[in-house]
């Protein structure tokens, strides 16, 4: 499931989750969100975190609550999928969208990480092992996620796609979570230091629960000789 650009409306995001529901118990499920996230100011234990789809009405807190996507609700919907592993990529800022006068804006508490927990539903808890859940964030708390027109994506998303290609050099084409996390941290950080504003930082992070050995993110088949020749003729 991927939601990005002008297709990432509230309804389209939920429809994409519904379309993924047939995933079997041995099939991994992946999703990606690119855009902006926002916290509603409340006591930490009651605080809400929202993903802002392209059709959000962001004029006020109540309109964000009504038209945004509650990350806790998103986690509940993902939890209904029958999958052995969940991988979520969130290319969104984790700083207060209404910064004060400081140069780096207002740091948010980690409400998003608290509410975005994918756990099996009661009907799925009979399984021997709960699903592995891996979440990649574009940045740490208090940082922003940079975009660049030339890259065609947010910087984080660009290096996800590039990293999957570059890391899949092994004969089996496997890309594991730890490899990708290290690649993102190094390359996104370097890009921001070289191209961002003075003192800007963007540090991709990863969280994982129910991990039982190496976590596979993707397996990319190598291009065979016949496929290369076919592509060459088509070009």
Protein backbone atom coordinates (compact mmCIF):
# COMPACT_ATOMS: atom_id res chain seq x y z
CA UNK A 1 0.00 0.00 0.00
CA UNK A 2 1.47 3.34 -1.05
CA UNK A 3 -0.13 6.76 -0.67
CA UNK A 4 1.63 9.72 -2.20
CA UNK A 5 1.27 12.82 -4.36
CA UNK A 6 -2.24 13.92 -5.33
CA UNK A 7 -3.71 10.43 -4.82
CA UNK A 8 -3.18 10.43 -1.06
CA UNK A 9 -6.69 11.47 -0.08
CA UNK A 10 -8.18 10.20 3.16
CA UNK A 11 -10.54 7.84 1.34
CA UNK A 12 -7.89 6.54 -1.07
CA UNK A 13 -5.57 5.68 1.81
CA UNK A 14 -8.26 3.67 3.60
CA UNK A 15 -9.33 2.05 0.30
CA UNK A 16 -5.73 0.95 -0.29
CA UNK A 17 -5.70 -0.79 3.09
CA UNK A 18 -8.99 -2.55 2.30
CA UNK A 19 -7.60 -3.76 -1.04
CA UNK A 20 -4.60 -5.24 0.79
CA UNK A 21 -6.78 -7.31 3.15
CA UNK A 22 -6.50 -10.58 1.16
CA UNK A 23 -2.83 -10.82 2.21
CA UNK A 24 -2.22 -14.28 3.62
CA UNK A 25 -0.66 -15.10 6.99
CA UNK A 26 2.74 -15.80 5.39
CA UNK A 27 2.75 -12.70 3.21
CA UNK A 28 4.52 -9.48 4.27
CA UNK A 29 2.60 -6.23 3.97
CA UNK A 30 4.20 -2.84 3.27
CA UNK A 31 2.85 0.70 3.26
CA UNK A 32 4.23 4.15 2.65
CA UNK A 33 2.98 7.61 3.64
CA UNK A 34 4.52 10.79 2.30
CA UNK A 35 3.38 14.19 3.48
CA UNK A 36 2.92 15.93 6.81
CA UNK A 37 2.10 14.71 10.30
CA UNK A 38 0.75 16.86 13.10
CA UNK A 39 0.15 16.46 16.84
CA UNK A 40 -2.85 17.89 18.70
CA UNK A 41 -1.81 19.61 21.93
CA UNK A 42 -3.14 17.61 24.88
CA UNK A 43 -1.64 15.86 27.88
CA UNK A 44 0.87 13.33 26.50
CA UNK A 45 -1.20 10.30 27.49
CA UNK A 46 -4.20 11.68 25.57
CA UNK A 47 -2.35 13.33 22.68
CA UNK A 48 -3.24 12.49 19.10
CA UNK A 49 -1.05 12.33 16.03
CA UNK A 50 -2.52 12.90 12.56
CA UNK A 51 -1.36 12.27 9.03
CA UNK A 52 -2.53 15.12 6.78
CA UNK A 53 -3.82 13.77 3.44
CA UNK A 54 -3.99 16.06 0.41
CA UNK A 55 -7.68 16.82 1.03
CA UNK A 56 -7.26 17.75 4.71
CA UNK A 57 -8.88 20.91 6.05
CA UNK A 58 -6.09 22.27 8.22
CA UNK A 59 -7.59 25.60 9.25
CA UNK A 60 -7.98 24.58 12.89
CA UNK A 61 -7.55 21.75 15.36
CA UNK A 62 -11.17 20.54 15.03
CA UNK A 63 -10.99 20.45 11.22
CA UNK A 64 -7.73 18.47 11.38
CA UNK A 65 -9.40 15.97 13.73
CA UNK A 66 -12.35 15.66 11.34
CA UNK A 67 -10.52 15.42 8.01
CA UNK A 68 -7.05 14.15 8.94
CA UNK A 69 -6.11 10.53 9.59
CA UNK A 70 -5.70 9.59 13.22
CA UNK A 71 -2.49 7.52 13.28
CA UNK A 72 -3.99 5.30 15.97
CA UNK A 73 -6.94 4.55 13.69
CA UNK A 74 -4.52 3.83 10.85
CA UNK A 75 -2.65 1.37 13.08
CA UNK A 76 -5.93 -0.38 13.96
CA UNK A 77 -6.81 -0.79 10.29
CA UNK A 78 -3.37 -2.15 9.44
CA UNK A 79 -3.68 -4.56 12.37
CA UNK A 80 -6.67 -6.23 10.69
CA UNK A 81 -4.51 -7.43 7.80
CA UNK A 82 -3.40 -11.05 7.90
CA UNK A 83 0.33 -10.68 7.41
CA UNK A 84 3.52 -12.14 8.83
CA UNK A 85 5.28 -8.76 8.74
CA UNK A 86 4.34 -5.09 8.51
CA UNK A 87 6.75 -2.52 7.09
CA UNK A 88 5.70 1.14 7.21
CA UNK A 89 7.61 4.09 5.74
CA UNK A 90 6.62 7.58 6.95
CA UNK A 91 8.12 10.47 4.99
CA UNK A 92 6.81 13.31 7.16
CA UNK A 93 8.13 16.02 9.48
CA UNK A 94 8.21 15.40 13.22
CA UNK A 95 8.36 19.02 14.34
CA UNK A 96 5.55 21.30 15.49
CA UNK A 97 3.86 22.81 12.39
CA UNK A 98 3.34 26.03 14.39
CA UNK A 99 6.94 26.78 15.46
CA UNK A 100 7.90 29.50 17.88
CA UNK A 101 10.70 31.97 17.33
CA UNK A 102 13.53 29.48 17.67
CA UNK A 103 15.62 28.61 14.64
CA UNK A 104 14.69 24.92 14.77
CA UNK A 105 11.00 25.14 15.66
CA UNK A 106 9.21 23.44 18.52
CA UNK A 107 10.10 19.85 19.32
CA UNK A 108 7.16 17.44 19.54
CA UNK A 109 7.00 14.61 22.03
CA UNK A 110 6.98 11.22 20.32
CA UNK A 111 3.21 10.82 20.16
CA UNK A 112 3.38 9.26 16.70
CA UNK A 113 5.60 6.40 17.82
CA UNK A 114 3.30 5.74 20.79
CA UNK A 115 0.05 5.55 18.80
CA UNK A 116 1.38 3.88 15.65
CA UNK A 117 1.65 0.38 17.08
CA UNK A 118 0.51 -2.49 14.89
CA UNK A 119 -0.69 -5.41 16.99
CA UNK A 120 -2.74 -8.45 15.96
CA UNK A 121 -6.50 -8.38 16.48
CA UNK A 122 -8.13 -10.88 18.84
CA UNK A 123 -9.07 -13.14 15.94
CA UNK A 124 -5.41 -13.29 14.88
CA UNK A 125 -3.90 -13.90 18.31
CA UNK A 126 -4.29 -17.66 17.95
CA UNK A 127 -1.27 -17.62 15.64
CA UNK A 128 1.92 -19.05 17.08
CA UNK A 129 3.96 -15.90 16.45
CA UNK A 130 2.70 -12.31 16.31
CA UNK A 131 3.71 -10.38 13.16
CA UNK A 132 6.95 -8.46 12.99
CA UNK A 133 6.37 -4.70 12.78
CA UNK A 134 9.00 -2.36 11.32
CA UNK A 135 8.49 1.40 10.99
CA UNK A 136 10.91 3.70 9.19
CA UNK A 137 10.60 7.42 10.01
CA UNK A 138 12.08 10.11 7.77
CA UNK A 139 13.55 11.98 10.74
CA UNK A 140 13.91 12.14 14.51
CA UNK A 141 11.61 14.07 16.84
CA UNK A 142 12.01 17.81 16.33
CA UNK A 143 13.37 17.50 12.79
CA UNK A 144 11.79 18.20 9.43
CA UNK A 145 11.69 15.93 6.39
CA UNK A 146 13.16 17.71 3.37
CA UNK A 147 11.77 17.67 -0.15
CA UNK A 148 13.53 18.44 -3.41
CA UNK A 149 11.92 19.00 -6.81
CA UNK A 150 14.94 17.66 -8.69
CA UNK A 151 14.77 14.35 -6.84
CA UNK A 152 11.08 13.92 -7.69
CA UNK A 153 10.31 12.78 -4.12
CA UNK A 154 10.98 13.69 -0.56
CA UNK A 155 14.68 13.12 0.18
CA UNK A 156 13.81 10.15 2.42
CA UNK A 157 11.63 8.48 -0.23
CA UNK A 158 14.26 9.09 -2.91
CA UNK A 159 16.90 7.27 -0.88
CA UNK A 160 14.52 4.42 -0.02
CA UNK A 161 14.06 3.71 -3.73
CA UNK A 162 17.75 4.22 -4.50
CA UNK A 163 18.80 2.14 -1.52
CA UNK A 164 16.64 -0.81 -2.53
CA UNK A 165 18.34 -0.83 -5.93
CA UNK A 166 21.87 -0.41 -4.60
CA UNK A 167 21.60 -2.82 -1.68
CA UNK A 168 20.07 -5.65 -3.69
CA UNK A 169 23.47 -6.64 -5.07
CA UNK A 170 23.64 -10.02 -3.36
CA UNK A 171 22.88 -13.10 -5.49
CA UNK A 172 19.58 -13.61 -3.68
CA UNK A 173 18.61 -9.91 -4.02
CA UNK A 174 17.76 -9.61 -0.31
CA UNK A 175 17.55 -6.20 1.37
CA UNK A 176 17.28 -6.41 5.17
CA UNK A 177 15.95 -3.77 7.56
CA UNK A 178 19.26 -3.07 9.27
CA UNK A 179 21.02 -2.56 5.94
CA UNK A 180 18.38 -0.12 4.70
CA UNK A 181 18.28 1.79 8.00
CA UNK A 182 22.04 2.34 7.89
CA UNK A 183 21.94 3.36 4.24
CA UNK A 184 19.17 5.90 4.87
CA UNK A 185 20.83 7.39 7.92
CA UNK A 186 24.11 7.92 6.07
CA UNK A 187 22.81 9.15 2.72
CA UNK A 188 19.89 11.31 3.86
CA UNK A 189 22.09 12.92 6.52
CA UNK A 190 24.80 13.67 3.96
CA UNK A 191 22.31 15.17 1.50
CA UNK A 192 20.82 17.48 4.12
CA UNK A 193 24.22 18.64 5.36
CA UNK A 194 25.25 19.48 1.80
CA UNK A 195 21.96 20.92 0.52
CA UNK A 196 19.85 21.97 3.53
CA UNK A 197 19.84 25.25 5.40
CA UNK A 198 22.62 26.04 7.89
CA UNK A 199 22.41 23.74 10.89
CA UNK A 200 19.58 21.66 9.43
CA UNK A 201 19.40 18.00 10.41
CA UNK A 202 17.38 15.04 9.19
CA UNK A 203 18.13 11.70 10.82
CA UNK A 204 16.05 8.74 9.60
CA UNK A 205 15.17 6.26 12.36
CA UNK A 206 13.72 2.78 12.52
CA UNK A 207 11.74 0.96 15.20
CA UNK A 208 10.94 -2.75 15.21
CA UNK A 209 9.00 -5.10 17.47
CA UNK A 210 8.50 -8.88 17.53
CA UNK A 211 11.76 -9.38 15.65
CA UNK A 212 12.87 -12.98 15.21
CA UNK A 213 16.06 -12.86 13.19
CA UNK A 214 16.96 -10.75 10.12
CA UNK A 215 14.00 -8.73 8.83
CA UNK A 216 13.56 -8.89 5.07
CA UNK A 217 12.35 -5.63 3.49
CA UNK A 218 12.57 -6.63 -0.16
CA UNK A 219 13.90 -9.30 -2.45
CA UNK A 220 14.78 -7.90 -5.86
CA UNK A 221 15.45 -10.39 -8.63
CA UNK A 222 18.55 -9.67 -10.74
CA UNK A 223 18.01 -8.80 -14.38
CA UNK A 224 18.88 -11.82 -16.51
CA UNK A 225 20.84 -11.62 -19.72
CA UNK A 226 17.74 -12.23 -21.85
CA UNK A 227 15.85 -9.52 -19.98
CA UNK A 228 18.70 -7.07 -20.56
CA UNK A 229 18.70 -7.87 -24.30
CA UNK A 230 14.91 -7.44 -24.42
CA UNK A 231 15.13 -4.06 -22.71
CA UNK A 232 17.91 -3.01 -25.08
CA UNK A 233 15.81 -3.92 -28.16
CA UNK A 234 12.78 -2.08 -26.74
CA UNK A 235 14.88 1.04 -26.22
